[in-house]
Amino acid sequence: KMYLKDKILEYDPWIVCKTLYFNIYLSFGFVVPFWALFFQYKGLSSSEIGLLLSLQPFFSFIFAPGWSILADKTQKHRAILLLITGISIATIISFMILPSPIYFVGAYMINSAVHAPMFTLLDAQILTRLGNSRSTYGRHRGWGGVGWGIASLVSGRLQDWFGIYAMFPPFFLLIGTFIAFIVFSEWKNPQHIVFESELQPTSSSTSASSSDKIDVTIASSDESEQESLVLSSSPSSVVEITTTNNI
């Protein structure tokens, strides 16, 4: 019996990568393209909006390497990705409730310091999971562009119908889904997945004896990642591979 998850992975082993890119770009596509309109709605002048929006590339250039170095040093890539995602959400909430536009400067500076590193860390995790299939990176990253385009169109229409604040509920719903996916999903390297249907014994296959088995443990630099392989030296024996890779 194959579970739905196994059937999906068998159809597209890299569906996790595509889903993460699509989700995060879909989330931020609801709000990021419309910051200028939102700040104008809040009472900022054109020159103030231009100055404020120009801060993001500068702060991204300053802080992105720091977050990446911290993740590499601590080997807590997933935890840091979740941390900066939470900080970004907190700053976006502050945009909605801050009483004066002058506070937007500080909040936007903080948001700029974590926005770009968030995508950088996600890229690093995706590339790690792709392993020898890194040449297919563009196929998965492209789904982010699809999500961004869909969100921009839908968000603009929602704001026409319900006002500028209509862009926030979809963002919070989708980014919450992204966080839940990161926290609760177990990532398996598709290169080492053996589906249940492939493990069914056949008349010509026999179980490998204990003397014919080779146990290999591969421990990566990421403390949350470990692969355990049991290989048989007999050609007719079942090859069983299990992984416990977590993002």
Protein backbone atom coordinates (compact mmCIF):
# COMPACT_ATOMS: atom_id res chain seq x y z
CA LYS A 1 0.00 0.00 0.00
CA MET A 2 1.43 3.38 -1.00
CA TYR A 3 0.47 6.50 0.89
CA LEU A 4 -0.46 9.69 -0.95
CA LYS A 5 2.82 11.31 0.13
CA ASP A 6 4.80 8.47 -1.43
CA LYS A 7 2.79 8.66 -4.64
CA ILE A 8 3.44 12.41 -4.90
CA LEU A 9 7.16 11.95 -4.26
CA GLU A 10 7.31 9.15 -6.79
CA TYR A 11 5.67 11.39 -9.37
CA ASP A 12 7.99 14.35 -8.56
CA PRO A 13 10.71 13.68 -5.95
CA TRP A 14 11.57 17.40 -5.82
CA ILE A 15 8.03 18.62 -5.10
CA VAL A 16 9.19 19.96 -1.72
CA CYS A 17 11.62 22.37 -3.36
CA LYS A 18 9.03 23.63 -5.81
CA THR A 19 6.42 24.05 -3.07
CA LEU A 20 8.69 26.07 -0.79
CA TYR A 21 9.70 28.46 -3.54
CA PHE A 22 6.14 28.87 -4.78
CA ASN A 23 4.81 29.47 -1.26
CA ILE A 24 7.33 32.02 -0.03
CA TYR A 25 7.25 34.10 -3.22
CA LEU A 26 3.47 33.87 -3.30
CA SER A 27 3.40 35.17 0.29
CA PHE A 28 5.64 38.20 -0.18
CA GLY A 29 4.19 38.91 -3.61
CA PHE A 30 1.04 40.09 -1.85
CA VAL A 31 2.81 42.90 0.03
CA VAL A 32 6.29 43.80 -1.27
CA PRO A 33 5.25 45.24 -4.68
CA PHE A 34 2.77 47.55 -2.91
CA TRP A 35 4.92 49.10 -0.15
CA ALA A 36 5.06 52.43 -1.99
CA LEU A 37 1.26 52.62 -2.18
CA PHE A 38 0.94 51.59 1.47
CA PHE A 39 3.42 54.21 2.68
CA GLN A 40 1.66 56.83 0.60
CA TYR A 41 -1.61 55.80 2.21
CA LYS A 42 0.06 56.24 5.61
CA GLY A 43 0.99 59.83 4.77
CA LEU A 44 4.60 59.71 3.61
CA SER A 45 5.71 62.05 0.84
CA SER A 46 7.16 60.85 -2.45
CA SER A 47 10.71 61.78 -1.40
CA GLU A 48 10.31 59.99 1.93
CA ILE A 49 8.98 56.87 0.21
CA GLY A 50 11.87 56.89 -2.25
CA LEU A 51 14.41 57.23 0.56
CA LEU A 52 12.74 54.50 2.59
CA LEU A 53 12.59 52.00 -0.27
CA SER A 54 16.22 52.66 -1.16
CA LEU A 55 17.29 51.35 2.25
CA GLN A 56 16.48 47.71 1.47
CA PRO A 57 19.32 47.01 -1.00
CA PHE A 58 21.80 48.78 1.30
CA PHE A 59 20.83 46.90 4.44
CA SER A 60 20.56 43.63 2.55
CA PHE A 61 24.15 44.13 1.36
CA ILE A 62 25.31 44.81 4.93
CA PHE A 63 23.44 42.09 6.83
CA ALA A 64 23.00 39.20 4.39
CA PRO A 65 26.60 37.93 4.76
CA GLY A 66 26.32 38.12 8.55
CA TRP A 67 23.24 35.92 8.70
CA SER A 68 24.82 33.41 6.32
CA ILE A 69 28.04 33.26 8.36
CA LEU A 70 26.05 32.79 11.56
CA ALA A 71 24.09 29.92 9.99
CA ASP A 72 27.29 28.23 8.81
CA LYS A 73 29.05 28.66 12.15
CA THR A 74 26.18 27.36 14.26
CA GLN A 75 24.93 24.76 11.74
CA LYS A 76 21.40 25.89 12.61
CA HIS A 77 20.25 26.88 9.15
CA ARG A 78 16.62 25.95 9.64
CA ALA A 79 16.39 27.68 13.04
CA ILE A 80 17.91 30.89 11.69
CA LEU A 81 15.66 30.78 8.63
CA LEU A 82 12.65 30.55 10.93
CA LEU A 83 14.02 33.33 13.15
CA ILE A 84 14.48 35.88 10.39
CA THR A 85 11.13 34.91 8.86
CA GLY A 86 9.52 35.64 12.23
CA ILE A 87 11.30 39.00 12.45
CA SER A 88 10.08 39.92 8.98
CA ILE A 89 6.50 39.04 9.94
CA ALA A 90 6.78 41.13 13.13
CA THR A 91 7.94 44.20 11.19
CA ILE A 92 5.08 43.84 8.70
CA ILE A 93 2.61 43.68 11.59
CA SER A 94 4.20 46.85 12.99
CA PHE A 95 3.51 48.66 9.70
CA MET A 96 -0.18 48.05 10.29
CA ILE A 97 -0.29 49.31 13.88
CA LEU A 98 2.42 51.99 14.24
CA PRO A 99 0.78 55.35 14.98
CA SER A 100 3.25 57.60 13.15
CA PRO A 101 5.03 57.26 9.79
CA ILE A 102 8.33 58.19 11.45
CA TYR A 103 8.42 54.74 13.06
CA PHE A 104 8.33 53.14 9.63
CA VAL A 105 12.00 53.99 9.14
CA GLY A 106 13.19 51.80 12.02
CA ALA A 107 10.77 49.00 11.23
CA TYR A 108 11.67 49.02 7.54
CA MET A 109 15.40 48.99 8.34
CA ILE A 110 14.88 45.86 10.43
CA ASN A 111 12.78 44.28 7.72
CA SER A 112 15.43 45.06 5.12
CA ALA A 113 18.10 43.45 7.30
CA VAL A 114 16.30 40.08 7.26
CA HIS A 115 14.34 40.03 3.99
CA ALA A 116 17.13 39.18 1.53
CA PRO A 117 18.96 36.74 3.89
CA MET A 118 15.71 34.79 4.20
CA PHE A 119 15.79 33.92 0.51
CA THR A 120 19.55 33.36 0.59
CA LEU A 121 19.25 30.75 3.34
CA LEU A 122 16.37 29.06 1.54
CA ASP A 123 18.47 28.89 -1.63
CA ALA A 124 21.32 27.31 0.33
CA GLN A 125 19.02 24.68 1.79
CA ILE A 126 17.50 23.88 -1.59
CA LEU A 127 20.93 23.50 -3.21
CA THR A 128 22.06 21.24 -0.38
CA ARG A 129 19.07 18.97 -0.88
CA LEU A 130 19.51 18.90 -4.65
CA GLY A 131 23.00 17.43 -4.23
CA ASN A 132 24.20 16.06 -7.56
CA SER A 133 21.04 17.39 -9.21
CA ARG A 134 21.93 21.05 -8.72
CA SER A 135 21.76 21.58 -12.46
CA THR A 136 17.95 21.36 -12.10
CA TYR A 137 17.87 24.31 -9.67
CA GLY A 138 16.28 26.64 -12.22
CA ARG A 139 13.27 24.34 -12.63
CA HIS A 140 12.44 24.67 -8.94
CA ARG A 141 13.37 28.34 -8.55
CA GLY A 142 11.09 29.18 -11.46
CA TRP A 143 8.06 28.28 -9.37
CA GLY A 144 8.91 31.26 -7.16
CA GLY A 145 8.41 33.55 -10.12
CA VAL A 146 5.06 31.93 -10.82
CA GLY A 147 3.95 32.51 -7.24
CA TRP A 148 5.14 36.14 -7.28
CA GLY A 149 3.25 36.91 -10.48
CA ILE A 150 0.02 35.33 -9.26
CA ALA A 151 0.20 37.14 -5.91
CA SER A 152 0.83 40.54 -7.49
CA LEU A 153 -2.20 40.24 -9.75
CA VAL A 154 -4.51 38.95 -7.03
CA SER A 155 -3.29 41.43 -4.39
CA GLY A 156 -3.84 44.40 -6.70
CA ARG A 157 -7.38 43.29 -7.44
CA LEU A 158 -8.15 42.72 -3.75
CA GLN A 159 -6.95 46.23 -2.91
CA ASP A 160 -9.19 47.69 -5.61
CA TRP A 161 -12.16 45.93 -4.07
CA PHE A 162 -11.49 46.13 -0.32
CA GLY A 163 -8.76 48.71 0.28
CA ILE A 164 -5.02 48.73 0.89
CA TYR A 165 -5.19 46.51 4.00
CA ALA A 166 -6.65 43.64 1.95
CA MET A 167 -3.11 42.54 1.04
CA PHE A 168 -2.25 41.50 4.59
CA PRO A 169 -4.61 38.54 5.38
CA PRO A 170 -3.44 36.43 2.40
CA PHE A 171 0.17 37.20 3.30
CA PHE A 172 -0.19 36.03 6.91
CA LEU A 173 -2.07 32.90 5.86
CA LEU A 174 0.51 31.91 3.25
CA ILE A 175 3.61 32.73 5.29
CA GLY A 176 2.13 30.73 8.17
CA THR A 177 1.81 27.80 5.78
CA PHE A 178 5.44 28.25 4.76
CA ILE A 179 6.61 28.20 8.38
CA ALA A 180 4.53 25.13 9.18
CA PHE A 181 5.95 23.36 6.15
CA ILE A 182 9.51 24.12 7.25
CA VAL A 183 8.87 23.04 10.85
CA PHE A 184 6.88 19.86 10.37
CA SER A 185 7.95 18.45 7.03
CA GLU A 186 10.62 15.76 6.91
CA TRP A 187 12.89 16.26 3.99
CA LYS A 188 14.19 13.18 2.24
CA ASN A 189 16.83 13.29 -0.43
CA PRO A 190 15.03 11.91 -3.50
CA GLN A 191 18.26 10.31 -4.68
CA HIS A 192 17.99 7.88 -1.78
CA ILE A 193 14.23 7.32 -1.57
CA VAL A 194 13.04 3.74 -1.92
CA PHE A 195 9.26 3.59 -2.26
CA GLU A 196 7.25 0.89 -0.58
CA SER A 197 6.20 -0.58 -3.92
CA GLU A 198 9.84 -1.07 -4.84
CA LEU A 199 10.55 -3.03 -1.67
CA GLN A 200 8.02 -5.77 -2.39
CA PRO A 201 9.87 -9.10 -2.51
CA THR A 202 9.89 -11.03 -5.79
CA SER A 203 10.37 -14.71 -6.47
CA SER A 204 13.96 -14.14 -7.54
CA SER A 205 14.97 -11.93 -4.62
CA THR A 206 16.11 -13.20 -1.27
CA SER A 207 17.00 -11.46 1.92
CA ALA A 208 20.67 -10.72 2.35
CA SER A 209 22.39 -12.61 5.08
CA SER A 210 24.00 -10.77 7.92
CA SER A 211 27.46 -11.59 6.53
CA ASP A 212 26.56 -10.02 3.17
CA LYS A 213 25.38 -6.69 4.58
CA ILE A 214 27.46 -3.54 4.70
CA ASP A 215 26.34 -0.78 7.04
CA VAL A 216 27.36 2.70 5.99
CA THR A 217 26.58 5.85 7.93
CA ILE A 218 27.04 9.19 6.26
CA ALA A 219 27.04 12.14 8.62
CA SER A 220 27.07 15.56 7.04
CA SER A 221 28.20 18.83 8.57
CA ASP A 222 24.55 19.58 9.29
CA GLU A 223 23.85 17.99 12.64
CA SER A 224 20.19 17.48 11.70
CA GLU A 225 21.09 15.38 8.67
CA GLN A 226 22.10 11.73 8.69
CA GLU A 227 21.78 8.94 6.14
CA SER A 228 21.89 5.26 6.97
CA LEU A 229 22.39 2.78 4.17
CA VAL A 230 22.21 -1.01 4.24
CA LEU A 231 23.65 -2.52 1.11
CA SER A 232 23.86 -6.14 0.08
CA SER A 233 26.80 -7.61 -1.75
CA SER A 234 24.53 -10.21 -3.33
CA PRO A 235 23.08 -9.07 -6.71
CA SER A 236 19.80 -10.85 -6.10
CA SER A 237 19.23 -9.40 -2.65
CA VAL A 238 17.06 -6.48 -1.72
CA VAL A 239 18.81 -3.15 -1.37
CA GLU A 240 17.28 -1.12 1.44
CA ILE A 241 18.07 2.54 2.00
CA THR A 242 16.62 4.80 4.65
CA THR A 243 17.26 8.47 5.22
CA THR A 244 16.46 10.98 7.91
CA ASN A 245 17.34 14.26 6.26
CA ASN A 246 15.75 17.32 7.80
CA ILE A 247 15.99 20.84 6.52
